[in-house]
N, C-alpha and C. Protein backbone atom coordinates (compact mmCIF):
# COMPACT_ATOMS: atom_id res chain seq x y z
N MET A 1 -22.33 -16.35 -4.80
CA MET A 1 -23.69 -16.64 -5.22
C MET A 1 -23.78 -16.56 -6.74
N ARG A 2 -24.41 -17.59 -7.36
CA ARG A 2 -24.57 -17.61 -8.82
C ARG A 2 -26.01 -17.28 -9.18
N PHE A 3 -26.20 -16.64 -10.34
CA PHE A 3 -27.53 -16.25 -10.82
C PHE A 3 -27.92 -17.16 -11.97
N PHE A 4 -29.08 -17.81 -11.85
CA PHE A 4 -29.56 -18.71 -12.90
C PHE A 4 -30.81 -18.12 -13.54
N ARG A 5 -30.98 -18.33 -14.87
CA ARG A 5 -32.18 -17.93 -15.59
C ARG A 5 -32.98 -19.17 -15.97
N ARG A 6 -34.28 -19.11 -15.76
CA ARG A 6 -35.14 -20.24 -16.12
C ARG A 6 -35.12 -20.45 -17.63
N GLY A 7 -35.11 -21.73 -18.06
CA GLY A 7 -35.12 -22.06 -19.48
C GLY A 7 -33.79 -21.88 -20.17
N GLU A 8 -32.74 -21.58 -19.41
CA GLU A 8 -31.42 -21.34 -19.99
C GLU A 8 -30.61 -22.62 -19.95
N THR A 9 -30.00 -22.97 -21.08
CA THR A 9 -29.16 -24.16 -21.10
C THR A 9 -27.85 -23.88 -20.38
N LEU A 10 -27.16 -24.97 -20.01
CA LEU A 10 -25.88 -24.82 -19.34
C LEU A 10 -24.90 -24.04 -20.19
N ASN A 11 -24.86 -24.35 -21.50
CA ASN A 11 -23.94 -23.65 -22.39
C ASN A 11 -24.26 -22.16 -22.46
N GLU A 12 -25.58 -21.84 -22.53
CA GLU A 12 -25.98 -20.42 -22.58
C GLU A 12 -25.60 -19.70 -21.29
N ARG A 13 -25.77 -20.39 -20.16
CA ARG A 13 -25.42 -19.74 -18.89
C ARG A 13 -23.93 -19.48 -18.79
N LEU A 14 -23.13 -20.46 -19.23
CA LEU A 14 -21.68 -20.28 -19.17
C LEU A 14 -21.24 -19.13 -20.06
N LEU A 15 -21.86 -19.03 -21.26
CA LEU A 15 -21.53 -17.91 -22.15
C LEU A 15 -21.92 -16.58 -21.53
N ARG A 16 -23.11 -16.54 -20.89
CA ARG A 16 -23.56 -15.29 -20.28
C ARG A 16 -22.63 -14.87 -19.14
N GLU A 17 -22.27 -15.83 -18.29
CA GLU A 17 -21.41 -15.51 -17.15
C GLU A 17 -20.03 -15.06 -17.60
N ALA A 18 -19.61 -15.55 -18.77
CA ALA A 18 -18.31 -15.13 -19.31
C ALA A 18 -18.41 -13.85 -20.12
N GLY A 19 -19.64 -13.30 -20.25
CA GLY A 19 -19.82 -12.07 -21.01
C GLY A 19 -19.75 -12.27 -22.50
N LEU A 20 -20.02 -13.50 -22.97
CA LEU A 20 -19.89 -13.82 -24.40
C LEU A 20 -21.23 -13.98 -25.10
N ASP A 21 -22.33 -13.62 -24.41
CA ASP A 21 -23.65 -13.81 -25.00
C ASP A 21 -24.23 -12.54 -25.58
N ARG A 22 -23.47 -11.45 -25.60
CA ARG A 22 -24.00 -10.18 -26.07
C ARG A 22 -24.04 -10.14 -27.60
N SER A 23 -24.96 -9.35 -28.12
CA SER A 23 -25.11 -9.24 -29.57
C SER A 23 -23.93 -8.50 -30.17
N GLU A 24 -23.79 -8.64 -31.50
CA GLU A 24 -22.71 -7.95 -32.20
C GLU A 24 -22.86 -6.44 -32.08
N ALA A 25 -24.12 -5.96 -32.09
CA ALA A 25 -24.36 -4.51 -31.96
C ALA A 25 -23.90 -4.01 -30.60
N GLU A 26 -24.17 -4.79 -29.55
CA GLU A 26 -23.74 -4.39 -28.21
C GLU A 26 -22.23 -4.34 -28.12
N LEU A 27 -21.56 -5.32 -28.71
CA LEU A 27 -20.10 -5.34 -28.67
C LEU A 27 -19.52 -4.17 -29.45
N ASP A 28 -20.12 -3.84 -30.62
CA ASP A 28 -19.64 -2.71 -31.40
C ASP A 28 -19.82 -1.40 -30.64
N ALA A 29 -20.97 -1.26 -29.95
CA ALA A 29 -21.22 -0.04 -29.18
C ALA A 29 -20.23 0.11 -28.05
N GLU A 30 -19.90 -0.99 -27.39
CA GLU A 30 -18.94 -0.93 -26.29
C GLU A 30 -17.55 -0.57 -26.81
N ALA A 31 -17.17 -1.11 -27.96
CA ALA A 31 -15.85 -0.82 -28.52
C ALA A 31 -15.73 0.64 -28.91
N ALA A 32 -16.86 1.25 -29.32
CA ALA A 32 -16.82 2.65 -29.75
C ALA A 32 -16.88 3.62 -28.59
N ARG A 33 -17.23 3.12 -27.41
CA ARG A 33 -17.35 4.00 -26.25
C ARG A 33 -15.98 4.51 -25.84
N PRO A 34 -15.79 5.81 -25.60
CA PRO A 34 -14.48 6.32 -25.20
C PRO A 34 -14.08 5.81 -23.83
N PRO A 35 -12.79 5.64 -23.59
CA PRO A 35 -12.35 5.16 -22.28
C PRO A 35 -12.64 6.21 -21.21
N PRO A 36 -12.80 5.77 -19.95
CA PRO A 36 -13.04 6.73 -18.87
C PRO A 36 -11.80 7.60 -18.66
N PRO A 37 -11.98 8.82 -18.13
CA PRO A 37 -10.83 9.69 -17.88
C PRO A 37 -9.88 9.10 -16.85
N LEU A 38 -8.62 9.42 -17.00
CA LEU A 38 -7.61 8.93 -16.08
C LEU A 38 -7.84 9.48 -14.69
N ASP A 39 -7.87 8.59 -13.72
CA ASP A 39 -7.97 8.99 -12.31
C ASP A 39 -6.57 8.94 -11.73
N PRO A 40 -5.94 10.09 -11.46
CA PRO A 40 -4.55 10.06 -10.99
C PRO A 40 -4.38 9.35 -9.66
N VAL A 41 -5.37 9.45 -8.78
CA VAL A 41 -5.26 8.77 -7.49
C VAL A 41 -5.30 7.26 -7.69
N LEU A 42 -6.23 6.78 -8.55
CA LEU A 42 -6.30 5.35 -8.81
C LEU A 42 -5.02 4.85 -9.46
N THR A 43 -4.46 5.64 -10.38
CA THR A 43 -3.19 5.26 -11.01
C THR A 43 -2.10 5.08 -9.96
N PHE A 44 -2.04 6.00 -9.02
CA PHE A 44 -1.05 5.92 -7.95
C PHE A 44 -1.27 4.67 -7.11
N ARG A 45 -2.54 4.42 -6.75
CA ARG A 45 -2.83 3.26 -5.91
C ARG A 45 -2.46 1.96 -6.61
N GLN A 46 -2.72 1.88 -7.92
CA GLN A 46 -2.42 0.66 -8.66
C GLN A 46 -0.92 0.40 -8.73
N GLN A 47 -0.12 1.45 -8.68
CA GLN A 47 1.33 1.27 -8.70
C GLN A 47 1.84 0.67 -7.40
N PHE A 48 1.18 1.03 -6.29
CA PHE A 48 1.72 0.67 -4.99
C PHE A 48 0.89 -0.35 -4.23
N ASP A 49 -0.35 -0.60 -4.63
CA ASP A 49 -1.26 -1.31 -3.76
C ASP A 49 -1.98 -2.45 -4.45
N THR A 50 -1.31 -3.61 -4.52
CA THR A 50 -1.93 -4.84 -4.97
C THR A 50 -1.38 -5.95 -4.12
N GLY A 51 -2.03 -7.10 -4.10
CA GLY A 51 -1.52 -8.22 -3.33
C GLY A 51 -2.02 -8.18 -1.90
N ALA A 52 -1.20 -8.62 -0.96
CA ALA A 52 -1.65 -8.78 0.42
C ALA A 52 -0.87 -7.86 1.34
N GLY A 53 -1.56 -7.37 2.36
CA GLY A 53 -0.86 -6.66 3.42
C GLY A 53 -0.88 -5.17 3.32
N ALA A 54 -2.03 -4.52 3.25
CA ALA A 54 -2.06 -3.06 3.20
C ALA A 54 -1.66 -2.46 4.53
N LEU A 55 -1.19 -1.22 4.49
CA LEU A 55 -0.94 -0.50 5.72
C LEU A 55 -2.24 -0.34 6.48
N ALA A 56 -2.18 -0.48 7.80
CA ALA A 56 -3.39 -0.36 8.60
C ALA A 56 -4.02 1.00 8.40
N GLY A 57 -5.33 0.99 8.12
CA GLY A 57 -6.07 2.24 8.00
C GLY A 57 -5.81 3.01 6.74
N ALA A 58 -5.12 2.44 5.79
CA ALA A 58 -4.79 3.21 4.60
C ALA A 58 -5.99 3.49 3.72
N GLY A 59 -7.02 2.66 3.81
CA GLY A 59 -8.18 2.85 2.96
C GLY A 59 -7.89 2.56 1.50
N LEU A 60 -6.83 1.83 1.23
CA LEU A 60 -6.43 1.54 -0.13
C LEU A 60 -6.44 0.04 -0.34
N PRO A 61 -6.43 -0.42 -1.60
CA PRO A 61 -6.25 -1.84 -1.84
C PRO A 61 -4.92 -2.29 -1.26
N PRO A 62 -4.78 -3.57 -0.88
CA PRO A 62 -3.56 -4.03 -0.25
C PRO A 62 -2.32 -3.78 -1.11
N ARG A 63 -1.25 -3.49 -0.45
CA ARG A 63 -0.02 -3.13 -1.15
C ARG A 63 0.78 -4.36 -1.55
N ALA A 64 1.40 -4.29 -2.68
CA ALA A 64 2.22 -5.40 -3.17
C ALA A 64 3.43 -5.60 -2.27
N ARG A 65 3.76 -6.89 -2.05
CA ARG A 65 4.92 -7.22 -1.24
C ARG A 65 6.15 -7.35 -2.14
N ARG A 66 6.76 -6.23 -2.50
CA ARG A 66 7.99 -6.25 -3.28
C ARG A 66 9.14 -6.01 -2.30
N TRP A 67 9.57 -7.08 -1.65
CA TRP A 67 10.54 -6.95 -0.57
C TRP A 67 11.91 -6.56 -1.11
N ASP A 68 12.60 -5.72 -0.33
CA ASP A 68 13.97 -5.35 -0.66
C ASP A 68 14.98 -6.27 0.00
N ALA A 69 14.57 -6.99 1.03
CA ALA A 69 15.47 -7.93 1.70
C ALA A 69 14.63 -9.04 2.31
N VAL A 70 15.11 -10.27 2.18
CA VAL A 70 14.47 -11.42 2.80
C VAL A 70 15.57 -12.21 3.50
N VAL A 71 15.45 -12.34 4.82
CA VAL A 71 16.49 -12.99 5.62
C VAL A 71 15.82 -13.91 6.63
N THR A 72 16.64 -14.62 7.40
CA THR A 72 16.14 -15.42 8.52
C THR A 72 16.77 -14.90 9.80
N ALA A 73 16.08 -15.14 10.90
CA ALA A 73 16.59 -14.70 12.20
C ALA A 73 16.14 -15.69 13.26
N GLU A 74 16.99 -15.89 14.26
CA GLU A 74 16.62 -16.72 15.41
C GLU A 74 16.08 -15.80 16.50
N ALA A 75 14.84 -16.06 16.90
CA ALA A 75 14.20 -15.24 17.94
C ALA A 75 13.26 -16.12 18.75
N PRO A 76 13.80 -17.05 19.54
CA PRO A 76 12.95 -17.98 20.29
C PRO A 76 12.12 -17.31 21.38
N ASP A 77 12.51 -16.12 21.82
CA ASP A 77 11.79 -15.46 22.90
C ASP A 77 10.57 -14.68 22.42
N VAL A 78 10.44 -14.50 21.12
CA VAL A 78 9.30 -13.75 20.59
C VAL A 78 8.09 -14.68 20.49
N ASP A 79 6.96 -14.23 21.03
CA ASP A 79 5.74 -15.03 21.02
C ASP A 79 4.99 -14.86 19.71
N GLY A 80 4.00 -15.73 19.50
CA GLY A 80 3.14 -15.61 18.33
C GLY A 80 3.79 -16.16 17.08
N ASN A 81 3.09 -15.95 15.96
CA ASN A 81 3.56 -16.47 14.68
C ASN A 81 3.90 -15.39 13.66
N GLU A 82 3.48 -14.14 13.92
CA GLU A 82 3.76 -13.05 12.99
C GLU A 82 4.10 -11.79 13.76
N VAL A 83 4.98 -11.00 13.18
CA VAL A 83 5.39 -9.72 13.78
C VAL A 83 5.50 -8.69 12.67
N ASP A 84 4.98 -7.50 12.93
CA ASP A 84 5.11 -6.38 12.00
C ASP A 84 5.64 -5.17 12.75
N PHE A 85 6.66 -4.52 12.19
CA PHE A 85 7.17 -3.30 12.80
C PHE A 85 7.85 -2.43 11.76
N VAL A 86 8.08 -1.19 12.16
CA VAL A 86 8.80 -0.23 11.31
C VAL A 86 10.07 0.18 12.04
N ALA A 87 11.20 0.11 11.35
CA ALA A 87 12.46 0.61 11.89
C ALA A 87 12.64 2.05 11.42
N LEU A 88 12.80 2.96 12.38
CA LEU A 88 12.90 4.38 12.07
C LEU A 88 14.35 4.78 11.80
N PRO A 89 14.56 5.95 11.21
CA PRO A 89 15.93 6.35 10.87
C PRO A 89 16.88 6.39 12.06
N ASP A 90 16.37 6.66 13.27
CA ASP A 90 17.24 6.72 14.45
C ASP A 90 17.51 5.35 15.05
N GLY A 91 16.99 4.28 14.42
CA GLY A 91 17.22 2.93 14.90
C GLY A 91 16.15 2.40 15.82
N SER A 92 15.23 3.24 16.27
CA SER A 92 14.16 2.77 17.13
C SER A 92 13.14 1.98 16.31
N LEU A 93 12.39 1.11 16.99
CA LEU A 93 11.44 0.24 16.32
C LEU A 93 10.02 0.60 16.75
N LEU A 94 9.16 0.79 15.78
CA LEU A 94 7.76 1.08 16.03
C LEU A 94 6.97 -0.19 15.75
N VAL A 95 6.49 -0.85 16.81
CA VAL A 95 5.85 -2.16 16.69
C VAL A 95 4.38 -1.98 16.34
N GLU A 96 3.96 -2.67 15.28
CA GLU A 96 2.57 -2.60 14.84
C GLU A 96 1.80 -3.86 15.20
N GLU A 97 2.48 -5.01 15.21
CA GLU A 97 1.82 -6.26 15.58
C GLU A 97 2.83 -7.18 16.23
N GLU A 98 2.51 -7.60 17.46
CA GLU A 98 3.37 -8.55 18.18
C GLU A 98 2.59 -9.09 19.36
N GLU A 99 2.75 -10.37 19.63
CA GLU A 99 2.21 -10.96 20.84
C GLU A 99 3.32 -10.95 21.88
N GLY A 100 3.03 -10.36 23.04
CA GLY A 100 4.05 -10.25 24.06
C GLY A 100 4.86 -8.98 23.90
N VAL A 101 5.94 -8.90 24.68
CA VAL A 101 6.76 -7.68 24.70
C VAL A 101 8.24 -7.99 24.50
N ALA A 102 8.55 -9.10 23.88
CA ALA A 102 9.96 -9.45 23.69
C ALA A 102 10.63 -8.46 22.75
N ALA A 103 11.93 -8.27 22.96
CA ALA A 103 12.70 -7.37 22.10
C ALA A 103 12.78 -7.94 20.69
N LEU A 104 12.68 -7.05 19.72
CA LEU A 104 12.71 -7.47 18.31
C LEU A 104 14.07 -7.22 17.67
N ASP A 105 15.07 -6.98 18.47
CA ASP A 105 16.41 -6.70 17.94
C ASP A 105 16.93 -7.79 17.00
N PRO A 106 16.67 -9.09 17.26
CA PRO A 106 17.21 -10.10 16.32
C PRO A 106 16.73 -9.89 14.89
N PHE A 107 15.48 -9.45 14.73
CA PHE A 107 14.96 -9.20 13.39
C PHE A 107 15.66 -8.00 12.75
N ALA A 108 15.77 -6.92 13.53
CA ALA A 108 16.40 -5.71 13.00
C ALA A 108 17.86 -5.96 12.63
N GLN A 109 18.57 -6.69 13.48
CA GLN A 109 19.98 -6.96 13.20
C GLN A 109 20.14 -7.79 11.93
N ALA A 110 19.25 -8.76 11.73
CA ALA A 110 19.33 -9.59 10.53
C ALA A 110 19.06 -8.77 9.28
N VAL A 111 18.06 -7.90 9.34
CA VAL A 111 17.71 -7.08 8.18
C VAL A 111 18.82 -6.09 7.86
N GLU A 112 19.38 -5.47 8.89
CA GLU A 112 20.33 -4.39 8.66
C GLU A 112 21.67 -4.87 8.16
N GLY A 113 21.86 -6.18 8.05
CA GLY A 113 23.00 -6.68 7.31
C GLY A 113 22.86 -6.43 5.82
N GLU A 114 21.63 -6.16 5.37
CA GLU A 114 21.38 -5.92 3.95
C GLU A 114 20.70 -4.59 3.66
N LEU A 115 20.01 -4.02 4.65
CA LEU A 115 19.17 -2.85 4.38
C LEU A 115 19.19 -1.90 5.58
N PRO A 116 19.62 -0.66 5.37
CA PRO A 116 19.62 0.30 6.49
C PRO A 116 18.22 0.83 6.74
N PRO A 117 17.95 1.32 7.95
CA PRO A 117 16.65 1.94 8.20
C PRO A 117 16.56 3.29 7.47
N PRO A 118 15.33 3.72 7.19
CA PRO A 118 14.05 3.16 7.65
C PRO A 118 13.55 2.05 6.74
N TYR A 119 12.83 1.12 7.33
CA TYR A 119 12.24 0.02 6.57
C TYR A 119 11.06 -0.55 7.36
N ARG A 120 10.26 -1.32 6.65
CA ARG A 120 9.10 -2.00 7.25
C ARG A 120 9.35 -3.50 7.22
N VAL A 121 9.01 -4.20 8.30
CA VAL A 121 9.30 -5.63 8.44
C VAL A 121 8.02 -6.43 8.66
N HIS A 122 7.97 -7.57 8.00
CA HIS A 122 6.96 -8.58 8.29
C HIS A 122 7.71 -9.88 8.54
N ALA A 123 7.56 -10.45 9.73
CA ALA A 123 8.28 -11.67 10.10
C ALA A 123 7.27 -12.78 10.40
N VAL A 124 7.60 -13.99 9.94
CA VAL A 124 6.71 -15.14 10.11
C VAL A 124 7.52 -16.28 10.72
N ARG A 125 6.99 -16.86 11.78
CA ARG A 125 7.69 -17.96 12.44
C ARG A 125 7.74 -19.18 11.53
N GLN A 126 8.92 -19.82 11.47
CA GLN A 126 9.10 -21.05 10.71
C GLN A 126 9.23 -22.26 11.63
N THR A 127 9.99 -22.11 12.69
CA THR A 127 10.14 -23.16 13.70
C THR A 127 10.08 -22.49 15.07
N GLU A 128 10.35 -23.25 16.10
CA GLU A 128 10.34 -22.68 17.45
C GLU A 128 11.34 -21.53 17.59
N ARG A 129 12.45 -21.62 16.87
CA ARG A 129 13.48 -20.59 16.99
C ARG A 129 13.61 -19.70 15.75
N LEU A 130 13.32 -20.25 14.59
CA LEU A 130 13.66 -19.58 13.33
C LEU A 130 12.47 -18.83 12.75
N TRP A 131 12.76 -17.62 12.26
CA TRP A 131 11.76 -16.77 11.62
C TRP A 131 12.23 -16.38 10.22
N ALA A 132 11.28 -16.27 9.30
CA ALA A 132 11.54 -15.67 7.99
C ALA A 132 11.18 -14.19 8.09
N VAL A 133 12.11 -13.34 7.70
CA VAL A 133 11.95 -11.89 7.90
C VAL A 133 12.06 -11.19 6.54
N SER A 134 11.01 -10.47 6.18
CA SER A 134 10.99 -9.71 4.93
C SER A 134 10.94 -8.23 5.24
N ALA A 135 11.72 -7.45 4.52
CA ALA A 135 11.81 -6.01 4.80
C ALA A 135 11.63 -5.21 3.53
N LEU A 136 10.93 -4.09 3.67
CA LEU A 136 10.65 -3.20 2.56
C LEU A 136 11.19 -1.81 2.89
N ARG A 137 12.03 -1.28 2.02
CA ARG A 137 12.56 0.08 2.22
C ARG A 137 11.41 1.08 2.15
N ILE A 138 11.40 2.05 3.06
CA ILE A 138 10.36 3.08 3.06
C ILE A 138 11.00 4.45 3.19
N GLU A 139 10.18 5.47 2.98
CA GLU A 139 10.61 6.85 3.18
C GLU A 139 9.75 7.45 4.28
N VAL A 140 10.37 8.17 5.19
CA VAL A 140 9.63 8.83 6.26
C VAL A 140 9.91 10.32 6.23
N ALA A 141 8.97 11.08 6.75
CA ALA A 141 9.12 12.53 6.80
C ALA A 141 8.43 13.05 8.05
N ARG A 142 8.91 14.18 8.52
CA ARG A 142 8.29 14.83 9.69
C ARG A 142 7.59 16.10 9.25
N PHE A 143 6.33 16.20 9.58
CA PHE A 143 5.57 17.43 9.33
C PHE A 143 4.29 17.39 10.16
N GLU A 144 3.73 18.55 10.40
CA GLU A 144 2.49 18.66 11.15
C GLU A 144 1.31 18.67 10.19
N ALA A 145 0.31 17.84 10.47
CA ALA A 145 -0.90 17.81 9.65
C ALA A 145 -1.99 17.10 10.42
N ASP A 146 -3.23 17.38 10.04
CA ASP A 146 -4.36 16.69 10.64
C ASP A 146 -4.55 15.32 10.00
N GLY A 147 -5.31 14.47 10.70
CA GLY A 147 -5.66 13.17 10.14
C GLY A 147 -4.56 12.14 10.28
N ASP A 148 -4.84 10.96 9.76
CA ASP A 148 -3.88 9.86 9.81
C ASP A 148 -3.44 9.38 8.43
N VAL A 149 -4.25 9.63 7.41
CA VAL A 149 -3.91 9.22 6.04
C VAL A 149 -4.16 10.40 5.11
N ILE A 150 -3.15 10.77 4.34
CA ILE A 150 -3.25 11.92 3.45
C ILE A 150 -2.92 11.49 2.03
N GLU A 151 -3.73 11.93 1.08
CA GLU A 151 -3.45 11.72 -0.34
C GLU A 151 -3.42 13.07 -1.03
N LEU A 152 -2.32 13.34 -1.70
CA LEU A 152 -2.14 14.60 -2.41
C LEU A 152 -1.78 14.29 -3.86
N THR A 153 -2.52 14.86 -4.80
CA THR A 153 -2.19 14.70 -6.22
C THR A 153 -2.05 16.07 -6.86
N GLN A 154 -1.09 16.16 -7.78
CA GLN A 154 -0.86 17.39 -8.54
C GLN A 154 -0.79 17.01 -10.01
N THR A 155 -1.70 17.56 -10.82
CA THR A 155 -1.72 17.31 -12.25
C THR A 155 -1.90 18.64 -12.98
N ASN A 156 -2.00 18.57 -14.30
CA ASN A 156 -2.26 19.79 -15.08
C ASN A 156 -3.60 20.42 -14.73
N ASP A 157 -4.50 19.62 -14.17
CA ASP A 157 -5.82 20.13 -13.80
C ASP A 157 -5.84 20.78 -12.43
N GLY A 158 -4.72 20.71 -11.71
CA GLY A 158 -4.66 21.34 -10.40
C GLY A 158 -4.30 20.35 -9.31
N ARG A 159 -4.48 20.79 -8.08
CA ARG A 159 -4.09 20.02 -6.91
C ARG A 159 -5.34 19.50 -6.20
N ALA A 160 -5.26 18.25 -5.72
CA ALA A 160 -6.36 17.65 -4.95
C ALA A 160 -5.78 17.07 -3.67
N LEU A 161 -6.44 17.35 -2.56
CA LEU A 161 -5.98 16.90 -1.25
C LEU A 161 -7.11 16.15 -0.55
N ARG A 162 -6.79 14.98 -0.02
CA ARG A 162 -7.76 14.21 0.76
C ARG A 162 -7.12 13.82 2.08
N VAL A 163 -7.88 13.96 3.16
CA VAL A 163 -7.42 13.60 4.49
C VAL A 163 -8.40 12.59 5.07
N ASP A 164 -7.89 11.42 5.41
CA ASP A 164 -8.74 10.33 5.92
C ASP A 164 -9.91 10.06 4.98
N GLY A 165 -9.63 10.10 3.68
CA GLY A 165 -10.62 9.76 2.68
C GLY A 165 -11.58 10.87 2.30
N MET A 166 -11.47 12.04 2.92
CA MET A 166 -12.38 13.14 2.64
C MET A 166 -11.64 14.29 1.97
N PRO A 167 -12.28 14.97 1.00
CA PRO A 167 -11.65 16.14 0.38
C PRO A 167 -11.33 17.19 1.43
N ALA A 168 -10.17 17.84 1.28
CA ALA A 168 -9.72 18.84 2.26
C ALA A 168 -9.21 20.07 1.53
N PHE A 169 -9.33 21.21 2.20
CA PHE A 169 -8.82 22.46 1.66
C PHE A 169 -7.44 22.75 2.25
N GLY A 170 -6.78 23.75 1.71
CA GLY A 170 -5.47 24.12 2.21
C GLY A 170 -4.36 23.38 1.50
N SER A 171 -3.19 23.42 2.08
CA SER A 171 -2.03 22.78 1.47
C SER A 171 -1.12 22.23 2.56
N ILE A 172 -0.25 21.31 2.15
CA ILE A 172 0.76 20.75 3.04
C ILE A 172 2.09 20.91 2.32
N PRO A 173 2.78 22.02 2.55
CA PRO A 173 4.01 22.32 1.79
C PRO A 173 5.04 21.20 1.84
N ALA A 174 5.17 20.52 2.98
CA ALA A 174 6.17 19.46 3.08
C ALA A 174 5.90 18.35 2.07
N LEU A 175 4.63 17.98 1.89
CA LEU A 175 4.30 16.95 0.91
C LEU A 175 4.47 17.44 -0.51
N GLU A 176 4.14 18.70 -0.74
CA GLU A 176 4.32 19.26 -2.08
C GLU A 176 5.79 19.26 -2.47
N ARG A 177 6.66 19.61 -1.54
CA ARG A 177 8.10 19.60 -1.84
C ARG A 177 8.59 18.18 -2.12
N LEU A 178 8.11 17.21 -1.32
CA LEU A 178 8.51 15.82 -1.55
C LEU A 178 8.06 15.35 -2.93
N GLY A 179 6.83 15.65 -3.29
CA GLY A 179 6.32 15.22 -4.58
C GLY A 179 7.09 15.81 -5.73
N GLU A 180 7.35 17.11 -5.68
CA GLU A 180 8.07 17.79 -6.76
C GLU A 180 9.51 17.28 -6.86
N ALA A 181 10.15 17.06 -5.71
CA ALA A 181 11.54 16.62 -5.73
C ALA A 181 11.68 15.20 -6.29
N ALA A 182 10.70 14.34 -5.98
CA ALA A 182 10.81 12.94 -6.38
C ALA A 182 10.22 12.65 -7.75
N ALA A 183 9.22 13.43 -8.16
CA ALA A 183 8.48 13.05 -9.36
C ALA A 183 8.24 14.19 -10.35
N GLY A 184 8.66 15.40 -10.04
CA GLY A 184 8.45 16.49 -10.98
C GLY A 184 7.11 17.17 -10.80
N PRO A 185 6.60 17.82 -11.85
CA PRO A 185 5.41 18.66 -11.70
C PRO A 185 4.10 17.91 -11.54
N ALA A 186 4.03 16.65 -11.95
CA ALA A 186 2.80 15.86 -11.82
C ALA A 186 3.09 14.64 -10.95
N TYR A 187 2.40 14.52 -9.84
CA TYR A 187 2.74 13.48 -8.88
C TYR A 187 1.55 13.14 -8.00
N ALA A 188 1.68 12.02 -7.30
CA ALA A 188 0.74 11.64 -6.24
C ALA A 188 1.55 11.25 -5.02
N VAL A 189 1.10 11.70 -3.87
CA VAL A 189 1.78 11.40 -2.61
C VAL A 189 0.77 10.75 -1.66
N HIS A 190 1.17 9.66 -1.06
CA HIS A 190 0.37 9.01 -0.02
C HIS A 190 1.19 9.06 1.27
N ALA A 191 0.61 9.59 2.32
CA ALA A 191 1.30 9.69 3.60
C ALA A 191 0.43 9.08 4.69
N GLU A 192 1.05 8.28 5.54
CA GLU A 192 0.33 7.66 6.65
C GLU A 192 1.10 7.90 7.95
N ARG A 193 0.36 8.36 8.94
CA ARG A 193 1.01 8.71 10.20
C ARG A 193 1.55 7.45 10.88
N LEU A 194 2.81 7.53 11.28
CA LEU A 194 3.43 6.48 12.07
C LEU A 194 3.32 6.79 13.55
N ASP A 195 3.69 8.02 13.91
CA ASP A 195 3.65 8.43 15.31
C ASP A 195 3.85 9.93 15.38
N ALA A 196 2.93 10.63 16.06
CA ALA A 196 3.03 12.08 16.25
C ALA A 196 3.23 12.77 14.89
N ASP A 197 4.38 13.44 14.70
CA ASP A 197 4.62 14.16 13.44
C ASP A 197 5.45 13.35 12.45
N LEU A 198 5.59 12.05 12.68
CA LEU A 198 6.37 11.17 11.81
C LEU A 198 5.43 10.39 10.89
N TRP A 199 5.71 10.48 9.58
CA TRP A 199 4.84 9.88 8.58
C TRP A 199 5.62 8.97 7.64
N GLU A 200 4.98 7.89 7.21
CA GLU A 200 5.51 7.09 6.10
C GLU A 200 4.94 7.67 4.82
N VAL A 201 5.83 7.89 3.84
CA VAL A 201 5.44 8.63 2.64
C VAL A 201 5.81 7.82 1.40
N ARG A 202 4.90 7.79 0.43
CA ARG A 202 5.18 7.19 -0.87
C ARG A 202 4.83 8.18 -1.96
N VAL A 203 5.67 8.27 -2.97
CA VAL A 203 5.50 9.23 -4.05
C VAL A 203 5.55 8.49 -5.38
N ALA A 204 4.69 8.88 -6.31
CA ALA A 204 4.70 8.30 -7.66
C ALA A 204 4.47 9.39 -8.68
N PRO A 205 5.16 9.34 -9.81
CA PRO A 205 4.89 10.30 -10.89
C PRO A 205 3.57 9.97 -11.57
N LEU A 206 2.93 10.97 -12.14
CA LEU A 206 1.68 10.78 -12.87
C LEU A 206 1.86 11.20 -14.33
């Protein structure tokens, strides 16, 4: 929806919509305004979450598709046009999206020629038999915790924990150890439950 002002010329409207109609005083005041404080959670999200295809229920902007492996596979028995699954460290497959119940082994076998589990797969049908298969390396961890999505940040200002988007008290030592080991004293950790006590985990330094 566009907003029009009565008596405004086309050129004036285009300048206003582009933010170029403000006075010199307004522009000077904006330039002098201090930048907003760094939000460590937003910084973490921007590193991992742009583009298309967010994790289900993550409550975050969609994650960038920076694939670690792109292969093709023949799987004529698989129905539908798209398949999403996670390959776990023990070789089992956790299916997130599939039409039908056909085995997804052809996809896993094609990926594992280049990438060992654990990894996340998105496959798209190209022809009746051929699929394009993209895989992203992931990290998984086992620990007990409430909720399905956890965000933990540690900065000089202290520790902040959110569970399913809400502030939470207490601590999750397993996530704290992962954050410190991967990123040092200042970090952000995003964890999403895959199944029972198995979580997909991402860590970024702050």
